[in-house]
Amino acid sequence: MVEVTAPAGAYRGYNEITWGWCLASSILMACGYVLYIGMYLSGGIVPNPTTWCLWALGGGVEAWTYHRLVQANKTVREVTSLPPFWSNPAGWFWAWIQRDIEPLELASWVCFFFACIVAGIGLTSAALGYLNILSSATAFSRPDDWELMVAISDIVVVLVYAGIRMWKGDNVAAKTATLLMTIDIFLSFLPIWGSTLQDPSAENPLPWIVWTGCYSILGATALFQTGHEKGRRRWLLIYPMTSALFHGAVGVLAFGGA
């Protein structure tokens, strides 16, 4: 193991408290998704197809973007060699997690994983229904025209960011990456805000309250980690703060149908 030293007073990673906050947030995030999927499969809610497909599409980009922002702001790195994958896959996986994944970004990967599950259920059910193989209440309906326009706009933003990333690599400015990521998240929430405002009973506020709390914990952790730092680290606050606000808005709209 090789440790790269940093100037006195520089950020030196996570202590046990912030590790605990990040882990608790990620576990609560996963529990919220399990609760949501259970409600979805039982017919208690009707997820907005456009929003969830955009999250499955853009969630990976958001998670990777936040990953790069976190990694770019580490002043201390521990470089360790990974064990052979085939001899010990589980050991390789956990060694990779510890070496390359920061606790602050775990929740974004959890979101991407479960968004793919929700979108997969809806799209698979819709495809089976279209082929007259199986009709299910979990099938995604056809998006409205305005939702399609939002989806196209969001995909354009994702493609622009991907193009910039391919052009500049990891030299993309934190301001540019955060701005595009925030626009992507905002656009992806527009369809579900609209559908929940129109029919509050389509959503249940409980999972959204859980997720709002999770992102609030992440925001507090990011603030704790970056409070004494200057420069690009302040951009790490934007993702959890905006996510908490946007998820909370869905929960507020859904209270009318609870």
Protein backbone atom coordinates (compact mmCIF):
# COMPACT_ATOMS: atom_id res chain seq x y z
CA MET A 1 0.00 0.00 0.00
CA VAL A 2 1.28 3.43 -0.97
CA GLU A 3 -0.08 6.50 0.77
CA VAL A 4 0.20 9.88 -0.91
CA THR A 5 0.72 12.56 1.68
CA ALA A 6 -1.26 15.77 1.67
CA PRO A 7 -0.62 19.26 3.04
CA ALA A 8 -1.31 19.84 6.71
CA GLY A 9 -5.01 20.37 7.34
CA ALA A 10 -6.05 18.86 4.01
CA TYR A 11 -9.03 16.55 3.72
CA ARG A 12 -7.91 13.04 4.65
CA GLY A 13 -10.96 10.94 3.96
CA TYR A 14 -13.75 9.55 6.08
CA ASN A 15 -13.86 8.82 9.76
CA GLU A 16 -16.12 6.24 11.41
CA ILE A 17 -18.97 8.72 11.91
CA THR A 18 -19.25 9.84 8.29
CA TRP A 19 -18.76 6.27 7.08
CA GLY A 20 -21.74 5.34 9.27
CA TRP A 21 -23.85 8.19 7.90
CA CYS A 22 -23.15 7.23 4.30
CA LEU A 23 -23.76 3.55 4.94
CA ALA A 24 -27.01 4.23 6.81
CA SER A 25 -28.17 6.49 4.00
CA SER A 26 -27.45 3.84 1.36
CA ILE A 27 -29.22 1.12 3.34
CA LEU A 28 -32.26 3.35 3.89
CA MET A 29 -32.19 4.21 0.21
CA ALA A 30 -32.33 0.52 -0.70
CA CYS A 31 -35.13 -0.09 1.82
CA GLY A 32 -37.12 2.74 0.25
CA TYR A 33 -36.75 1.11 -3.15
CA VAL A 34 -37.79 -2.30 -1.83
CA LEU A 35 -40.87 -0.63 -0.32
CA TYR A 36 -41.59 1.18 -3.57
CA ILE A 37 -41.22 -1.92 -5.73
CA GLY A 38 -43.52 -3.83 -3.37
CA MET A 39 -46.18 -1.13 -3.73
CA TYR A 40 -45.66 -1.15 -7.49
CA LEU A 41 -46.08 -4.91 -7.85
CA SER A 42 -49.15 -4.92 -5.59
CA GLY A 43 -50.84 -2.20 -7.64
CA GLY A 44 -50.69 0.43 -4.92
CA ILE A 45 -48.87 2.96 -7.08
CA VAL A 46 -48.42 3.76 -10.77
CA PRO A 47 -44.83 4.87 -11.49
CA ASN A 48 -44.35 7.47 -14.18
CA PRO A 49 -42.78 5.58 -17.10
CA THR A 50 -40.86 8.54 -18.54
CA THR A 51 -39.18 9.50 -15.28
CA TRP A 52 -38.18 5.95 -14.36
CA CYS A 53 -36.81 5.19 -17.83
CA LEU A 54 -34.80 8.42 -17.72
CA TRP A 55 -33.45 7.44 -14.30
CA ALA A 56 -32.44 4.05 -15.63
CA LEU A 57 -30.79 5.72 -18.63
CA GLY A 58 -29.23 8.75 -16.97
CA GLY A 59 -28.75 7.34 -13.48
CA GLY A 60 -25.52 5.66 -14.49
CA VAL A 61 -24.24 8.92 -15.95
CA GLU A 62 -25.20 10.80 -12.78
CA ALA A 63 -23.54 8.19 -10.56
CA TRP A 64 -20.37 8.18 -12.66
CA THR A 65 -20.29 11.99 -12.74
CA TYR A 66 -20.58 12.21 -8.97
CA HIS A 67 -17.98 9.47 -8.67
CA ARG A 68 -15.51 11.51 -10.73
CA LEU A 69 -16.29 14.68 -8.71
CA VAL A 70 -15.59 12.84 -5.47
CA GLN A 71 -12.44 11.21 -6.80
CA ALA A 72 -11.14 14.50 -8.19
CA ASN A 73 -11.34 16.03 -4.72
CA LYS A 74 -9.40 13.37 -2.86
CA THR A 75 -6.09 14.68 -1.67
CA VAL A 76 -5.08 11.35 -0.17
CA ARG A 77 -5.33 8.08 -2.05
CA GLU A 78 -4.43 4.62 -0.96
CA VAL A 79 -3.24 2.57 -3.90
CA THR A 80 -3.62 -1.16 -3.37
CA SER A 81 -3.36 -4.03 -5.78
CA LEU A 82 -6.51 -6.09 -6.27
CA PRO A 83 -6.48 -9.84 -5.60
CA PRO A 84 -6.88 -12.18 -8.59
CA PHE A 85 -10.52 -12.05 -9.68
CA TRP A 86 -11.05 -15.70 -10.61
CA SER A 87 -9.51 -17.09 -7.44
CA ASN A 88 -11.59 -14.87 -5.14
CA PRO A 89 -14.40 -12.89 -6.89
CA ALA A 90 -15.96 -11.69 -3.63
CA GLY A 91 -12.59 -10.56 -2.26
CA TRP A 92 -11.81 -8.77 -5.54
CA PHE A 93 -15.20 -6.98 -5.48
CA TRP A 94 -14.90 -5.73 -1.91
CA ALA A 95 -11.27 -4.70 -2.43
CA TRP A 96 -12.36 -2.70 -5.47
CA ILE A 97 -15.20 -1.07 -3.50
CA GLN A 98 -12.83 -0.05 -0.72
CA ARG A 99 -10.21 1.26 -3.13
CA ASP A 100 -12.28 3.05 -5.79
CA ILE A 101 -15.72 3.84 -4.34
CA GLU A 102 -16.17 6.61 -1.80
CA PRO A 103 -18.97 6.27 0.80
CA LEU A 104 -20.45 9.59 -0.30
CA GLU A 105 -21.28 8.18 -3.73
CA LEU A 106 -22.77 4.83 -2.68
CA ALA A 107 -26.36 6.12 -2.71
CA SER A 108 -26.12 7.27 -6.34
CA TRP A 109 -25.14 3.74 -7.42
CA VAL A 110 -27.98 2.27 -5.32
CA CYS A 111 -30.42 4.60 -7.10
CA PHE A 112 -29.14 3.59 -10.53
CA PHE A 113 -29.40 -0.13 -9.71
CA PHE A 114 -32.99 0.01 -8.46
CA ALA A 115 -34.12 2.45 -11.16
CA CYS A 116 -33.06 -0.17 -13.70
CA ILE A 117 -35.18 -2.75 -11.84
CA VAL A 118 -38.31 -0.55 -11.80
CA ALA A 119 -37.88 0.43 -15.45
CA GLY A 120 -37.17 -3.19 -16.36
CA ILE A 121 -40.40 -4.38 -14.72
CA GLY A 122 -42.48 -1.73 -16.46
CA LEU A 123 -40.93 -2.13 -19.91
CA THR A 124 -40.99 -5.94 -19.79
CA SER A 125 -44.65 -5.93 -18.75
CA ALA A 126 -45.46 -3.45 -21.52
CA ALA A 127 -43.65 -5.58 -24.11
CA LEU A 128 -45.46 -8.75 -22.99
CA GLY A 129 -48.78 -6.95 -23.13
CA TYR A 130 -48.05 -5.56 -26.59
CA LEU A 131 -47.28 -9.06 -27.82
CA ASN A 132 -50.51 -10.35 -26.22
CA ILE A 133 -48.49 -12.77 -24.09
CA LEU A 134 -49.36 -11.39 -20.67
CA SER A 135 -51.43 -8.45 -19.52
CA SER A 136 -50.22 -6.86 -16.30
CA ALA A 137 -51.05 -3.77 -14.26
CA THR A 138 -47.32 -3.13 -13.94
CA ALA A 139 -46.98 -2.38 -17.67
CA PHE A 140 -45.74 1.10 -18.48
CA SER A 141 -48.19 3.21 -20.48
CA ARG A 142 -47.26 5.32 -23.48
CA PRO A 143 -45.85 8.71 -22.38
CA ASP A 144 -47.66 11.91 -23.23
CA ASP A 145 -46.29 14.08 -26.03
CA TRP A 146 -44.89 16.67 -23.62
CA GLU A 147 -43.20 13.91 -21.63
CA LEU A 148 -41.57 12.67 -24.82
CA MET A 149 -40.25 16.19 -25.45
CA VAL A 150 -38.83 16.28 -21.91
CA ALA A 151 -37.27 12.86 -22.45
CA ILE A 152 -35.66 13.96 -25.72
CA SER A 153 -34.31 17.11 -24.04
CA ASP A 154 -32.89 15.07 -21.17
CA ILE A 155 -31.26 12.58 -23.53
CA VAL A 156 -29.67 15.50 -25.41
CA VAL A 157 -28.21 16.79 -22.13
CA VAL A 158 -26.82 13.32 -21.35
CA LEU A 159 -25.32 13.03 -24.85
CA VAL A 160 -23.77 16.51 -24.59
CA TYR A 161 -22.15 15.57 -21.30
CA ALA A 162 -20.97 12.24 -22.72
CA GLY A 163 -19.46 14.09 -25.68
CA ILE A 164 -17.67 16.57 -23.41
CA ARG A 165 -16.41 13.69 -21.28
CA MET A 166 -15.05 11.88 -24.35
CA TRP A 167 -13.43 15.10 -25.57
CA LYS A 168 -11.86 16.28 -22.32
CA GLY A 169 -11.76 13.11 -20.27
CA ASP A 170 -11.37 13.77 -16.54
CA ASN A 171 -10.43 17.39 -17.25
CA VAL A 172 -14.11 18.40 -17.37
CA ALA A 173 -14.60 21.31 -14.97
CA ALA A 174 -16.55 20.51 -11.82
CA LYS A 175 -18.88 23.41 -12.58
CA THR A 176 -19.71 22.04 -16.04
CA ALA A 177 -20.22 18.47 -14.83
CA THR A 178 -22.40 19.55 -11.91
CA LEU A 179 -24.48 21.93 -14.05
CA LEU A 180 -25.25 19.28 -16.67
CA MET A 181 -25.95 16.67 -13.99
CA THR A 182 -28.38 19.02 -12.22
CA ILE A 183 -30.19 19.84 -15.48
CA ASP A 184 -30.46 16.11 -16.19
CA ILE A 185 -31.96 15.41 -12.75
CA PHE A 186 -34.39 18.35 -13.01
CA LEU A 187 -35.67 17.29 -16.44
CA SER A 188 -36.10 13.69 -15.31
CA PHE A 189 -38.34 14.81 -12.44
CA LEU A 190 -40.67 16.95 -14.59
CA PRO A 191 -42.85 14.03 -15.82
CA ILE A 192 -43.41 12.55 -12.35
CA TRP A 193 -44.15 15.98 -10.87
CA GLY A 194 -46.76 16.50 -13.58
CA SER A 195 -48.39 13.08 -13.28
CA THR A 196 -48.44 13.20 -9.46
CA LEU A 197 -49.92 16.71 -9.49
CA GLN A 198 -52.62 15.46 -11.85
CA ASP A 199 -53.27 12.25 -9.86
CA PRO A 200 -51.73 12.22 -6.36
CA SER A 201 -52.97 8.67 -5.76
CA ALA A 202 -50.52 7.41 -8.40
CA GLU A 203 -47.73 7.74 -5.82
CA ASN A 204 -47.35 7.03 -2.12
CA PRO A 205 -45.49 9.65 -0.06
CA LEU A 206 -43.74 7.16 2.26
CA PRO A 207 -40.88 6.04 -0.08
CA TRP A 208 -40.29 9.64 -1.12
CA ILE A 209 -40.04 10.73 2.51
CA VAL A 210 -37.48 7.98 3.08
CA TRP A 211 -35.44 9.06 0.05
CA THR A 212 -35.63 12.72 1.04
CA GLY A 213 -34.21 11.79 4.43
CA CYS A 214 -31.45 9.75 2.79
CA TYR A 215 -30.34 12.61 0.57
CA SER A 216 -30.54 15.02 3.50
CA ILE A 217 -28.14 12.76 5.42
CA LEU A 218 -25.83 12.71 2.40
CA GLY A 219 -26.01 16.47 2.15
CA ALA A 220 -25.10 16.84 5.83
CA THR A 221 -22.23 14.39 5.33
CA ALA A 222 -20.96 16.26 2.28
CA LEU A 223 -21.18 19.53 4.22
CA PHE A 224 -19.29 17.99 7.13
CA GLN A 225 -16.62 16.67 4.81
CA THR A 226 -16.21 19.87 2.80
CA GLY A 227 -17.07 22.56 5.34
CA HIS A 228 -13.43 23.55 5.92
CA GLU A 229 -12.38 23.21 2.30
CA LYS A 230 -12.44 25.68 -0.55
CA GLY A 231 -12.51 25.27 -4.29
CA ARG A 232 -14.29 22.55 -6.20
CA ARG A 233 -15.46 20.57 -3.17
CA ARG A 234 -18.47 22.80 -2.73
CA TRP A 235 -19.87 21.23 -5.91
CA LEU A 236 -20.23 17.94 -4.04
CA LEU A 237 -23.11 19.48 -2.06
CA ILE A 238 -25.33 20.20 -5.06
CA TYR A 239 -26.25 16.61 -5.99
CA PRO A 240 -27.57 15.51 -2.55
CA MET A 241 -29.21 18.88 -1.83
CA THR A 242 -31.12 19.09 -5.11
CA SER A 243 -32.03 15.40 -4.93
CA ALA A 244 -33.49 15.87 -1.43
CA LEU A 245 -35.53 18.84 -2.65
CA PHE A 246 -36.81 17.10 -5.79
CA HIS A 247 -37.74 13.84 -4.01
CA GLY A 248 -39.43 15.81 -1.25
CA ALA A 249 -41.54 17.63 -3.84
CA VAL A 250 -42.94 14.31 -5.11
CA GLY A 251 -43.75 13.29 -1.54
CA VAL A 252 -45.61 16.57 -0.92
CA LEU A 253 -47.62 16.17 -4.14
CA ALA A 254 -48.44 12.56 -3.26
CA PHE A 255 -49.91 13.47 0.13
CA GLY A 256 -53.13 14.47 -1.61
CA GLY A 257 -53.75 10.88 -2.63
CA ALA A 258 -52.45 9.13 0.50
